[in-house]
């Protein structure tokens, strides 16, 4: 398999994961604000926790970005996802507070329900 094909595969996988994680982040916030719950919220919280652990253990960098760079991302206008870099560069600033607020609201709701 050529590096171009490997890069395509990594970018495709990375884009799919980005979409799933963006959705999970929004669901966590929605659950925290609305009080809605269910299995979808449990899955979303689990995914957000796992993704956070991956980022922390990787020095706050996505490990797939390094793989994409290895196969040529950053050259010829290609990035590590199919999403334009001007959007993905703000990932931490947008999704970080969203996740923290959602988890905090969920914790307050849980604590209030228990008391």
PDB file of N, CA and C in Angstrom:
ATOM      1  N   UNK A   1       0.847  -1.174   0.000  1.00  0.00           N
ATOM      2  CA  UNK A   1       0.000   0.000   0.000  1.00  0.00           C
ATOM      3  C   UNK A   1       0.898   1.245   0.000  1.00  0.00           C
ATOM      4  N   UNK A   2       0.579   2.198  -0.823  1.00  0.00           N
ATOM      5  CA  UNK A   2       1.381   3.418  -0.931  1.00  0.00           C
ATOM      6  C   UNK A   2       1.090   4.339   0.258  1.00  0.00           C
ATOM      7  N   UNK A   3       2.000   5.290   0.470  1.00  0.00           N
ATOM      8  CA  UNK A   3       1.791   6.263   1.543  1.00  0.00           C
ATOM      9  C   UNK A   3       0.541   7.100   1.292  1.00  0.00           C
ATOM     10  N   UNK A   4       0.259   7.393   0.027  1.00  0.00           N
ATOM     11  CA  UNK A   4      -0.937   8.178  -0.299  1.00  0.00           C
ATOM     12  C   UNK A   4      -2.204   7.427   0.117  1.00  0.00           C
ATOM     13  N   UNK A   5      -2.235   6.140  -0.109  1.00  0.00           N
ATOM     14  CA  UNK A   5      -3.401   5.337   0.304  1.00  0.00           C
ATOM     15  C   UNK A   5      -3.487   5.225   1.821  1.00  0.00           C
ATOM     16  N   UNK A   6      -2.340   5.058   2.449  1.00  0.00           N
ATOM     17  CA  UNK A   6      -2.328   5.008   3.919  1.00  0.00           C
ATOM     18  C   UNK A   6      -2.823   6.336   4.498  1.00  0.00           C
ATOM     19  N   UNK A   7      -2.360   7.440   3.916  1.00  0.00           N
ATOM     20  CA  UNK A   7      -2.807   8.748   4.380  1.00  0.00           C
ATOM     21  C   UNK A   7      -4.307   8.904   4.190  1.00  0.00           C
ATOM     22  N   UNK A   8      -4.819   8.468   3.051  1.00  0.00           N
ATOM     23  CA  UNK A   8      -6.255   8.538   2.805  1.00  0.00           C
ATOM     24  C   UNK A   8      -7.015   7.756   3.876  1.00  0.00           C
ATOM     25  N   UNK A   9      -6.546   6.545   4.193  1.00  0.00           N
ATOM     26  CA  UNK A   9      -7.203   5.708   5.188  1.00  0.00           C
ATOM     27  C   UNK A   9      -7.155   6.348   6.573  1.00  0.00           C
ATOM     28  N   UNK A  10      -6.002   6.912   6.935  1.00  0.00           N
ATOM     29  CA  UNK A  10      -5.867   7.569   8.238  1.00  0.00           C
ATOM     30  C   UNK A  10      -6.772   8.790   8.302  1.00  0.00           C
ATOM     31  N   UNK A  11      -6.798   9.580   7.234  1.00  0.00           N
ATOM     32  CA  UNK A  11      -7.658  10.773   7.207  1.00  0.00           C
ATOM     33  C   UNK A  11      -9.134  10.393   7.304  1.00  0.00           C
ATOM     34  N   UNK A  12      -9.524   9.333   6.622  1.00  0.00           N
ATOM     35  CA  UNK A  12     -10.912   8.866   6.664  1.00  0.00           C
ATOM     36  C   UNK A  12     -11.281   8.408   8.079  1.00  0.00           C
ATOM     37  N   UNK A  13     -10.435   7.592   8.676  1.00  0.00           N
ATOM     38  CA  UNK A  13     -10.667   7.122  10.045  1.00  0.00           C
ATOM     39  C   UNK A  13     -10.702   8.299  11.019  1.00  0.00           C
ATOM     40  N   UNK A  14      -9.743   9.210  10.886  1.00  0.00           N
ATOM     41  CA  UNK A  14      -9.649  10.354  11.787  1.00  0.00           C
ATOM     42  C   UNK A  14     -10.879  11.258  11.652  1.00  0.00           C
ATOM     43  N   UNK A  15     -11.359  11.449  10.443  1.00  0.00           N
ATOM     44  CA  UNK A  15     -12.557  12.262  10.215  1.00  0.00           C
ATOM     45  C   UNK A  15     -13.780  11.603  10.849  1.00  0.00           C
ATOM     46  N   UNK A  16     -13.888  10.302  10.703  1.00  0.00           N
ATOM     47  CA  UNK A  16     -15.019   9.577  11.298  1.00  0.00           C
ATOM     48  C   UNK A  16     -14.982   9.676  12.821  1.00  0.00           C
ATOM     49  N   UNK A  17     -13.812   9.482  13.400  1.00  0.00           N
ATOM     50  CA  UNK A  17     -13.673   9.585  14.858  1.00  0.00           C
ATOM     51  C   UNK A  17     -13.986  11.004  15.310  1.00  0.00           C
ATOM     52  N   UNK A  18     -13.518  11.989  14.570  1.00  0.00           N
ATOM     53  CA  UNK A  18     -13.796  13.387  14.911  1.00  0.00           C
ATOM     54  C   UNK A  18     -15.302  13.634  14.930  1.00  0.00           C
ATOM     55  N   UNK A  19     -15.994  13.135  13.936  1.00  0.00           N
ATOM     56  CA  UNK A  19     -17.449  13.314  13.874  1.00  0.00           C
ATOM     57  C   UNK A  19     -18.161  12.648  15.034  1.00  0.00           C
ATOM     58  N   UNK A  20     -17.757  11.426  15.360  1.00  0.00           N
ATOM     59  CA  UNK A  20     -18.365  10.709  16.479  1.00  0.00           C
ATOM     60  C   UNK A  20     -18.090  11.449  17.789  1.00  0.00           C
ATOM     61  N   UNK A  21     -16.870  11.915  17.980  1.00  0.00           N
ATOM     62  CA  UNK A  21     -16.521  12.590  19.222  1.00  0.00           C
ATOM     63  C   UNK A  21     -17.181  13.960  19.330  1.00  0.00           C
ATOM     64  N   UNK A  22     -17.324  14.664  18.224  1.00  0.00           N
ATOM     65  CA  UNK A  22     -18.040  15.946  18.253  1.00  0.00           C
ATOM     66  C   UNK A  22     -19.492  15.711  18.652  1.00  0.00           C
ATOM     67  N   UNK A  23     -20.093  14.682  18.081  1.00  0.00           N
ATOM     68  CA  UNK A  23     -21.473  14.340  18.425  1.00  0.00           C
ATOM     69  C   UNK A  23     -21.589  13.945  19.894  1.00  0.00           C
ATOM     70  N   UNK A  24     -20.658  13.134  20.378  1.00  0.00           N
ATOM     71  CA  UNK A  24     -20.686  12.713  21.778  1.00  0.00           C
ATOM     72  C   UNK A  24     -20.552  13.927  22.705  1.00  0.00           C
ATOM     73  N   UNK A  25     -19.702  14.869  22.349  1.00  0.00           N
ATOM     74  CA  UNK A  25     -19.515  16.073  23.163  1.00  0.00           C
ATOM     75  C   UNK A  25     -20.804  16.886  23.243  1.00  0.00           C
ATOM     76  N   UNK A  26     -21.467  17.034  22.119  1.00  0.00           N
ATOM     77  CA  UNK A  26     -22.732  17.774  22.078  1.00  0.00           C
ATOM     78  C   UNK A  26     -23.796  17.040  22.894  1.00  0.00           C
ATOM     79  N   UNK A  27     -23.825  15.722  22.803  1.00  0.00           N
ATOM     80  CA  UNK A  27     -24.801  14.933  23.576  1.00  0.00           C
ATOM     81  C   UNK A  27     -24.565  15.053  25.078  1.00  0.00           C
ATOM     82  N   UNK A  28     -23.307  15.092  25.500  1.00  0.00           N
ATOM     83  CA  UNK A  28     -23.001  15.263  26.922  1.00  0.00           C
ATOM     84  C   UNK A  28     -23.512  16.620  27.394  1.00  0.00           C
ATOM     85  N   UNK A  29     -23.259  17.654  26.618  1.00  0.00           N
ATOM     86  CA  UNK A  29     -23.756  18.981  26.978  1.00  0.00           C
ATOM     87  C   UNK A  29     -25.283  19.006  26.993  1.00  0.00           C
ATOM     88  N   UNK A  30     -25.896  18.428  25.985  1.00  0.00           N
ATOM     89  CA  UNK A  30     -27.362  18.376  25.920  1.00  0.00           C
ATOM     90  C   UNK A  30     -27.934  17.645  27.127  1.00  0.00           C
ATOM     91  N   UNK A  31     -27.344  16.515  27.475  1.00  0.00           N
ATOM     92  CA  UNK A  31     -27.810  15.762  28.636  1.00  0.00           C
ATOM     93  C   UNK A  31     -27.665  16.561  29.921  1.00  0.00           C
ATOM     94  N   UNK A  32     -26.567  17.287  30.047  1.00  0.00           N
ATOM     95  CA  UNK A  32     -26.354  18.098  31.231  1.00  0.00           C
ATOM     96  C   UNK A  32     -27.338  19.248  31.342  1.00  0.00           C
ATOM     97  N   UNK A  33     -27.637  19.890  30.220  1.00  0.00           N
ATOM     98  CA  UNK A  33     -28.559  21.038  30.226  1.00  0.00           C
ATOM     99  C   UNK A  33     -30.002  20.585  30.392  1.00  0.00           C
ATOM    100  N   UNK A  34     -30.394  19.564  29.643  1.00  0.00           N
ATOM    101  CA  UNK A  34     -31.809  19.176  29.596  1.00  0.00           C
ATOM    102  C   UNK A  34     -32.223  18.166  30.659  1.00  0.00           C
ATOM    103  N   UNK A  35     -31.263  17.433  31.182  1.00  0.00           N
ATOM    104  CA  UNK A  35     -31.601  16.365  32.118  1.00  0.00           C
ATOM    105  C   UNK A  35     -32.016  15.080  31.423  1.00  0.00           C
ATOM    106  N   UNK A  36     -32.034  15.114  30.102  1.00  0.00           N
ATOM    107  CA  UNK A  36     -32.367  13.911  29.339  1.00  0.00           C
ATOM    108  C   UNK A  36     -31.261  12.882  29.533  1.00  0.00           C
ATOM    109  N   UNK A  37     -31.640  11.638  29.524  1.00  0.00           N
ATOM    110  CA  UNK A  37     -30.653  10.583  29.704  1.00  0.00           C
ATOM    111  C   UNK A  37     -31.047   9.349  28.930  1.00  0.00           C
ATOM    112  N   UNK A  38     -30.346   8.316  29.172  1.00  0.00           N
ATOM    113  CA  UNK A  38     -30.608   7.057  28.499  1.00  0.00           C
ATOM    114  C   UNK A  38     -29.305   6.423  28.079  1.00  0.00           C
ATOM    115  N   UNK A  39     -29.396   5.324  27.366  1.00  0.00           N
ATOM    116  CA  UNK A  39     -28.178   4.618  26.967  1.00  0.00           C
ATOM    117  C   UNK A  39     -27.269   5.467  26.075  1.00  0.00           C
ATOM    118  N   UNK A  40     -27.861   6.339  25.257  1.00  0.00           N
ATOM    119  CA  UNK A  40     -27.047   7.202  24.383  1.00  0.00           C
ATOM    120  C   UNK A  40     -26.154   8.120  25.203  1.00  0.00           C
ATOM    121  N   UNK A  41     -26.630   8.582  26.352  1.00  0.00           N
ATOM    122  CA  UNK A  41     -25.827   9.470  27.194  1.00  0.00           C
ATOM    123  C   UNK A  41     -24.693   8.690  27.851  1.00  0.00           C
ATOM    124  N   UNK A  42     -24.984   7.482  28.283  1.00  0.00           N
ATOM    125  CA  UNK A  42     -23.941   6.641  28.877  1.00  0.00           C
ATOM    126  C   UNK A  42     -22.826   6.378  27.867  1.00  0.00           C
ATOM    127  N   UNK A  43     -23.196   6.068  26.644  1.00  0.00           N
ATOM    128  CA  UNK A  43     -22.208   5.831  25.586  1.00  0.00           C
ATOM    129  C   UNK A  43     -21.414   7.110  25.311  1.00  0.00           C
ATOM    130  N   UNK A  44     -22.112   8.245  25.211  1.00  0.00           N
ATOM    131  CA  UNK A  44     -21.445   9.515  24.920  1.00  0.00           C
ATOM    132  C   UNK A  44     -20.451   9.875  26.022  1.00  0.00           C
ATOM    133  N   UNK A  45     -20.856   9.731  27.277  1.00  0.00           N
ATOM    134  CA  UNK A  45     -19.950  10.038  28.388  1.00  0.00           C
ATOM    135  C   UNK A  45     -18.750   9.090  28.361  1.00  0.00           C
ATOM    136  N   UNK A  46     -18.997   7.821  28.110  1.00  0.00           N
ATOM    137  CA  UNK A  46     -17.900   6.854  28.026  1.00  0.00           C
ATOM    138  C   UNK A  46     -16.915   7.205  26.926  1.00  0.00           C
ATOM    139  N   UNK A  47     -17.428   7.573  25.761  1.00  0.00           N
ATOM    140  CA  UNK A  47     -16.549   7.951  24.652  1.00  0.00           C
ATOM    141  C   UNK A  47     -15.738   9.202  24.982  1.00  0.00           C
ATOM    142  N   UNK A  48     -16.378  10.180  25.605  1.00  0.00           N
ATOM    143  CA  UNK A  48     -15.683  11.414  25.961  1.00  0.00           C
ATOM    144  C   UNK A  48     -14.583  11.132  26.993  1.00  0.00           C
ATOM    145  N   UNK A  49     -14.868  10.281  27.954  1.00  0.00           N
ATOM    146  CA  UNK A  49     -13.863   9.940  28.967  1.00  0.00           C
ATOM    147  C   UNK A  49     -12.687   9.209  28.322  1.00  0.00           C
ATOM    148  N   UNK A  50     -12.976   8.239  27.465  1.00  0.00           N
ATOM    149  CA  UNK A  50     -11.902   7.495  26.791  1.00  0.00           C
ATOM    150  C   UNK A  50     -11.067   8.438  25.926  1.00  0.00           C
ATOM    151  N   UNK A  51     -11.714   9.298  25.161  1.00  0.00           N
ATOM    152  CA  UNK A  51     -11.002  10.239  24.291  1.00  0.00           C
ATOM    153  C   UNK A  51     -10.143  11.192  25.122  1.00  0.00           C
ATOM    154  N   UNK A  52     -10.666  11.634  26.249  1.00  0.00           N
ATOM    155  CA  UNK A  52      -9.887  12.518  27.123  1.00  0.00           C
ATOM    156  C   UNK A  52      -8.646  11.808  27.648  1.00  0.00           C
ATOM    157  N   UNK A  53      -8.794  10.552  28.036  1.00  0.00           N
ATOM    158  CA  UNK A  53      -7.639   9.775  28.507  1.00  0.00           C
ATOM    159  C   UNK A  53      -6.602   9.590  27.404  1.00  0.00           C
ATOM    160  N   UNK A  54      -7.066   9.362  26.183  1.00  0.00           N
ATOM    161  CA  UNK A  54      -6.149   9.225  25.044  1.00  0.00           C
ATOM    162  C   UNK A  54      -5.370  10.519  24.841  1.00  0.00           C
ATOM    163  N   UNK A  55      -6.067  11.659  24.868  1.00  0.00           N
ATOM    164  CA  UNK A  55      -5.392  12.942  24.678  1.00  0.00           C
ATOM    165  C   UNK A  55      -4.391  13.220  25.792  1.00  0.00           C
ATOM    166  N   UNK A  56      -4.790  13.001  27.029  1.00  0.00           N
ATOM    167  CA  UNK A  56      -3.895  13.263  28.156  1.00  0.00           C
ATOM    168  C   UNK A  56      -2.667  12.365  28.081  1.00  0.00           C
ATOM    169  N   UNK A  57      -2.875  11.083  27.788  1.00  0.00           N
ATOM    170  CA  UNK A  57      -1.742  10.157  27.719  1.00  0.00           C
ATOM    171  C   UNK A  57      -0.839  10.406  26.511  1.00  0.00           C
ATOM    172  N   UNK A  58      -1.344  11.161  25.527  1.00  0.00           N
ATOM    173  CA  UNK A  58      -0.552  11.478  24.332  1.00  0.00           C
ATOM    174  C   UNK A  58      -0.002  12.900  24.369  1.00  0.00           C
ATOM    175  N   UNK A  59       0.040  13.498  25.555  1.00  0.00           N
ATOM    176  CA  UNK A  59       0.587  14.845  25.668  1.00  0.00           C
ATOM    177  C   UNK A  59      -0.308  15.911  25.067  1.00  0.00           C
ATOM    178  N   UNK A  60      -1.626  15.734  25.164  1.00  0.00           N
ATOM    179  CA  UNK A  60      -2.641  16.649  24.626  1.00  0.00           C
ATOM    180  C   UNK A  60      -2.544  16.804  23.106  1.00  0.00           C
ATOM    181  N   UNK A  61      -2.135  15.732  22.462  1.00  0.00           N
ATOM    182  CA  UNK A  61      -2.099  15.679  20.998  1.00  0.00           C
ATOM    183  C   UNK A  61      -2.777  14.395  20.554  1.00  0.00           C
ATOM    184  N   UNK A  62      -3.460  14.464  19.432  1.00  0.00           N
ATOM    185  CA  UNK A  62      -4.102  13.267  18.912  1.00  0.00           C
ATOM    186  C   UNK A  62      -3.054  12.347  18.294  1.00  0.00           C
ATOM    187  N   UNK A  63      -3.017  11.093  18.701  1.00  0.00           N
ATOM    188  CA  UNK A  63      -2.027  10.174  18.132  1.00  0.00           C
ATOM    189  C   UNK A  63      -2.225   9.939  16.637  1.00  0.00           C
ATOM    190  N   UNK A  64      -3.427  10.083  16.126  1.00  0.00           N
ATOM    191  CA  UNK A  64      -3.648   9.888  14.686  1.00  0.00           C
ATOM    192  C   UNK A  64      -3.041  11.011  13.852  1.00  0.00           C
ATOM    193  N   UNK A  65      -2.880  12.184  14.443  1.00  0.00           N
ATOM    194  CA  UNK A  65      -2.239  13.275  13.718  1.00  0.00           C
ATOM    195  C   UNK A  65      -0.802  12.901  13.386  1.00  0.00           C
ATOM    196  N   UNK A  66      -0.095  12.312  14.342  1.00  0.00           N
ATOM    197  CA  UNK A  66       1.294  11.890  14.102  1.00  0.00           C
ATOM    198  C   UNK A  66       1.368  10.827  13.011  1.00  0.00           C
ATOM    199  N   UNK A  67       0.415   9.921  12.999  1.00  0.00           N
ATOM    200  CA  UNK A  67       0.383   8.884  11.959  1.00  0.00           C
ATOM    201  C   UNK A  67       0.133   9.528  10.600  1.00  0.00           C
ATOM    202  N   UNK A  68      -0.790  10.476  10.541  1.00  0.00           N
ATOM    203  CA  UNK A  68      -1.096  11.161   9.281  1.00  0.00           C
ATOM    204  C   UNK A  68       0.118  11.922   8.774  1.00  0.00           C
ATOM    205  N   UNK A  69       0.839  12.583   9.664  1.00  0.00           N
ATOM    206  CA  UNK A  69       2.048  13.322   9.264  1.00  0.00           C
ATOM    207  C   UNK A  69       3.087  12.359   8.720  1.00  0.00           C
ATOM    208  N   UNK A  70       3.201  11.200   9.326  1.00  0.00           N
ATOM    209  CA  UNK A  70       4.150  10.177   8.863  1.00  0.00           C
ATOM    210  C   UNK A  70       3.896   9.809   7.400  1.00  0.00           C
ATOM    211  N   UNK A  71       2.616   9.824   7.001  1.00  0.00           N
ATOM    212  CA  UNK A  71       2.268   9.446   5.634  1.00  0.00           C
ATOM    213  C   UNK A  71       2.041  10.634   4.706  1.00  0.00           C
ATOM    214  N   UNK A  72       2.391  11.839   5.156  1.00  0.00           N
ATOM    215  CA  UNK A  72       2.378  12.972   4.240  1.00  0.00           C
ATOM    216  C   UNK A  72       1.421  14.106   4.553  1.00  0.00           C
ATOM    217  N   UNK A  73       0.682  14.033   5.649  1.00  0.00           N
ATOM    218  CA  UNK A  73      -0.201  15.157   6.003  1.00  0.00           C
ATOM    219  C   UNK A  73       0.661  16.377   6.279  1.00  0.00           C
ATOM    220  N   UNK A  74       0.151  17.532   5.914  1.00  0.00           N
ATOM    221  CA  UNK A  74       0.898  18.769   6.076  1.00  0.00           C
ATOM    222  C   UNK A  74       1.607  19.176   4.796  1.00  0.00           C
ATOM    223  N   UNK A  75       1.631  18.284   3.840  1.00  0.00           N
ATOM    224  CA  UNK A  75       2.227  18.564   2.538  1.00  0.00           C
ATOM    225  C   UNK A  75       1.117  18.708   1.509  1.00  0.00           C
ATOM    226  N   UNK A  76       1.337  19.512   0.523  1.00  0.00           N
ATOM    227  CA  UNK A  76       0.385  19.668  -0.586  1.00  0.00           C
ATOM    228  C   UNK A  76      -1.023  20.040  -0.119  1.00  0.00           C
ATOM    229  N   UNK A  77      -1.123  20.758   1.004  1.00  0.00           N
ATOM    230  CA  UNK A  77      -2.429  21.191   1.482  1.00  0.00           C
ATOM    231  C   UNK A  77      -3.268  20.096   2.107  1.00  0.00           C
ATOM    232  N   UNK A  78      -2.685  18.940   2.362  1.00  0.00           N
ATOM    233  CA  UNK A  78      -3.418  17.840   2.991  1.00  0.00           C
ATOM    234  C   UNK A  78      -3.280  17.928   4.499  1.00  0.00           C
ATOM    235  N   UNK A  79      -4.377  17.718   5.188  1.00  0.00           N
ATOM    236  CA  UNK A  79      -4.365  17.761   6.641  1.00  0.00           C
ATOM    237  C   UNK A  79      -4.587  16.363   7.186  1.00  0.00           C
ATOM    238  N   UNK A  80      -4.736  16.250   8.492  1.00  0.00           N
ATOM    239  CA  UNK A  80      -4.897  14.937   9.109  1.00  0.00           C
ATOM    240  C   UNK A  80      -6.336  14.443   9.096  1.00  0.00           C
ATOM    241  N   UNK A  81      -7.287  15.294   8.675  1.00  0.00           N
ATOM    242  CA  UNK A  81      -8.675  14.889   8.478  1.00  0.00           C
ATOM    243  C   UNK A  81      -9.143  15.488   7.159  1.00  0.00           C
ATOM    244  N   UNK A  82     -10.360  15.164   6.772  1.00  0.00           N
ATOM    245  CA  UNK A  82     -10.940  15.793   5.590  1.00  0.00           C
ATOM    246  C   UNK A  82     -11.658  17.092   5.949  1.00  0.00           C
ATOM    247  N   UNK A  83     -11.663  17.424   7.227  1.00  0.00           N
ATOM    248  CA  UNK A  83     -12.239  18.679   7.700  1.00  0.00           C
ATOM    249  C   UNK A  83     -11.154  19.744   7.564  1.00  0.00           C
ATOM    250  N   UNK A  84     -11.488  20.913   7.039  1.00  0.00           N
ATOM    251  CA  UNK A  84     -10.461  21.957   6.892  1.00  0.00           C
ATOM    252  C   UNK A  84      -9.805  22.293   8.235  1.00  0.00           C
ATOM    253  N   UNK A  85      -8.518  22.477   8.198  1.00  0.00           N
ATOM    254  CA  UNK A  85      -7.729  22.742   9.401  1.00  0.00           C
ATOM    255  C   UNK A  85      -8.184  24.010  10.110  1.00  0.00           C
ATOM    256  N   UNK A  86      -8.730  24.968   9.390  1.00  0.00           N
ATOM    257  CA  UNK A  86      -9.188  26.208  10.031  1.00  0.00           C
ATOM    258  C   UNK A  86     -10.309  25.928  11.038  1.00  0.00           C
ATOM    259  N   UNK A  87     -11.015  24.794  10.895  1.00  0.00           N
ATOM    260  CA  UNK A  87     -12.037  24.400  11.866  1.00  0.00           C
ATOM    261  C   UNK A  87     -11.443  23.526  12.971  1.00  0.00           C
ATOM    262  N   UNK A  88     -10.644  22.557  12.598  1.00  0.00           N
ATOM    263  CA  UNK A  88     -10.136  21.600  13.590  1.00  0.00           C
ATOM    264  C   UNK A  88      -9.122  22.226  14.536  1.00  0.00           C
ATOM    265  N   UNK A  89      -8.499  23.320  14.160  1.00  0.00           N
ATOM    266  CA  UNK A  89      -7.519  23.939  15.060  1.00  0.00           C
ATOM    267  C   UNK A  89      -8.182  24.487  16.322  1.00  0.00           C
ATOM    268  N   UNK A  90      -9.491  24.678  16.302  1.00  0.00           N
ATOM    269  CA  UNK A  90     -10.212  25.212  17.453  1.00  0.00           C
ATOM    270  C   UNK A  90     -10.899  24.122  18.284  1.00  0.00           C
ATOM    271  N   UNK A  91     -10.573  22.885  18.020  1.00  0.00           N
ATOM    272  CA  UNK A  91     -11.225  21.760  18.680  1.00  0.00           C
ATOM    273  C   UNK A  91     -11.185  21.869  20.201  1.00  0.00           C
ATOM    274  N   UNK A  92     -10.014  22.091  20.773  1.00  0.00           N
ATOM    275  CA  UNK A  92      -9.899  22.137  22.231  1.00  0.00           C
ATOM    276  C   UNK A  92     -10.668  23.318  22.818  1.00  0.00           C
ATOM    277  N   UNK A  93     -10.589  24.464  22.159  1.00  0.00           N
ATOM    278  CA  UNK A  93     -11.259  25.660  22.676  1.00  0.00           C
ATOM    279  C   UNK A  93     -12.780  25.544  22.620  1.00  0.00           C
ATOM    280  N   UNK A  94     -13.287  24.789  21.686  1.00  0.00           N
ATOM    281  CA  UNK A  94     -14.740  24.642  21.553  1.00  0.00           C
ATOM    282  C   UNK A  94     -15.245  23.460  22.369  1.00  0.00           C
ATOM    283  N   UNK A  95     -14.669  22.291  22.134  1.00  0.00           N
ATOM    284  CA  UNK A  95     -15.194  21.087  22.761  1.00  0.00           C
ATOM    285  C   UNK A  95     -14.758  20.904  24.212  1.00  0.00           C
ATOM    286  N   UNK A  96     -13.593  21.429  24.587  1.00  0.00           N
ATOM    287  CA  UNK A  96     -13.137  21.308  25.977  1.00  0.00           C
ATOM    288  C   UNK A  96     -14.135  21.903  26.965  1.00  0.00           C
ATOM    289  N   UNK A  97     -14.460  23.196  26.834  1.00  0.00           N
ATOM    290  CA  UNK A  97     -15.445  23.777  27.748  1.00  0.00           C
ATOM    291  C   UNK A  97     -16.826  23.123  27.638  1.00  0.00           C
ATOM    292  N   UNK A  98     -17.201  22.723  26.433  1.00  0.00           N
ATOM    293  CA  UNK A  98     -18.495  22.074  26.230  1.00  0.00           C
ATOM    294  C   UNK A  98     -18.568  20.774  27.036  1.00  0.00           C
ATOM    295  N   UNK A  99     -17.513  19.983  26.968  1.00  0.00           N
ATOM    296  CA  UNK A  99     -17.464  18.716  27.695  1.00  0.00           C
ATOM    297  C   UNK A  99     -17.441  18.967  29.203  1.00  0.00           C
ATOM    298  N   UNK A 100     -16.596  19.889  29.638  1.00  0.00           N
ATOM    299  CA  UNK A 100     -16.500  20.171  31.074  1.00  0.00           C
ATOM    300  C   UNK A 100     -17.825  20.672  31.638  1.00  0.00           C
ATOM    301  N   UNK A 101     -18.481  21.574  30.918  1.00  0.00           N
ATOM    302  CA  UNK A 101     -19.769  22.087  31.378  1.00  0.00           C
ATOM    303  C   UNK A 101     -20.805  20.969  31.413  1.00  0.00           C
ATOM    304  N   UNK A 102     -20.857  20.162  30.361  1.00  0.00           N
ATOM    305  CA  UNK A 102     -21.812  19.056  30.313  1.00  0.00           C
ATOM    306  C   UNK A 102     -21.603  18.072  31.447  1.00  0.00           C
ATOM    307  N   UNK A 103     -20.348  17.692  31.686  1.00  0.00           N
ATOM    308  CA  UNK A 103     -20.055  16.748  32.767  1.00  0.00           C
ATOM    309  C   UNK A 103     -20.359  17.365  34.128  1.00  0.00           C
ATOM    310  N   UNK A 104     -20.058  18.653  34.302  1.00  0.00           N
ATOM    311  CA  UNK A 104     -20.356  19.316  35.573  1.00  0.00           C
ATOM    312  C   UNK A 104     -21.863  19.354  35.820  1.00  0.00           C
ATOM    313  N   UNK A 105     -22.625  19.691  34.793  1.00  0.00           N
ATOM    314  CA  UNK A 105     -24.086  19.721  34.944  1.00  0.00           C
ATOM    315  C   UNK A 105     -24.642  18.335  35.230  1.00  0.00           C
ATOM    316  N   UNK A 106     -24.097  17.329  34.569  1.00  0.00           N
ATOM    317  CA  UNK A 106     -24.532  15.952  34.849  1.00  0.00           C
ATOM    318  C   UNK A 106     -24.215  15.565  36.293  1.00  0.00           C
ATOM    319  N   UNK A 107     -23.034  15.971  36.774  1.00  0.00           N
ATOM    320  CA  UNK A 107     -22.660  15.656  38.151  1.00  0.00           C
ATOM    321  C   UNK A 107     -23.579  16.360  39.141  1.00  0.00           C
ATOM    322  N   UNK A 108     -23.905  17.621  38.880  1.00  0.00           N
ATOM    323  CA  UNK A 108     -24.817  18.355  39.769  1.00  0.00           C
ATOM    324  C   UNK A 108     -26.188  17.689  39.768  1.00  0.00           C
ATOM    325  N   UNK A 109     -26.676  17.315  38.591  1.00  0.00           N
ATOM    326  CA  UNK A 109     -27.981  16.640  38.516  1.00  0.00           C
ATOM    327  C   UNK A 109     -27.951  15.321  39.292  1.00  0.00           C
ATOM    328  N   UNK A 110     -26.888  14.574  39.131  1.00  0.00           N
ATOM    329  CA  UNK A 110     -26.760  13.288  39.828  1.00  0.00           C
ATOM    330  C   UNK A 110     -26.700  13.496  41.330  1.00  0.00           C
ATOM    331  N   UNK A 111     -25.940  14.475  41.758  1.00  0.00           N
ATOM    332  CA  UNK A 111     -25.779  14.774  43.170  1.00  0.00           C
ATOM    333  C   UNK A 111     -27.106  15.256  43.767  1.00  0.00           C
ATOM    334  N   UNK A 112     -27.827  16.093  43.027  1.00  0.00           N
ATOM    335  CA  UNK A 112     -29.128  16.605  43.486  1.00  0.00           C
ATOM    336  C   UNK A 112     -30.150  15.486  43.602  1.00  0.00           C
ATOM    337  N   UNK A 113     -30.123  14.562  42.667  1.00  0.00           N
ATOM    338  CA  UNK A 113     -31.073  13.448  42.676  1.00  0.00           C
ATOM    339  C   UNK A 113     -30.799  12.495  43.843  1.00  0.00           C
ATOM    340  N   UNK A 114     -29.522  12.368  44.218  1.00  0.00           N
ATOM    341  CA  UNK A 114     -29.157  11.458  45.297  1.00  0.00           C
ATOM    342  C   UNK A 114     -29.504  12.046  46.665  1.00  0.00           C
ATOM    343  N   UNK A 115     -29.573  13.366  46.747  1.00  0.00           N
ATOM    344  CA  UNK A 115     -29.771  14.018  48.047  1.00  0.00           C
ATOM    345  C   UNK A 115     -31.153  14.358  48.277  1.00  0.00           C
TER     346      UNK A 115
END
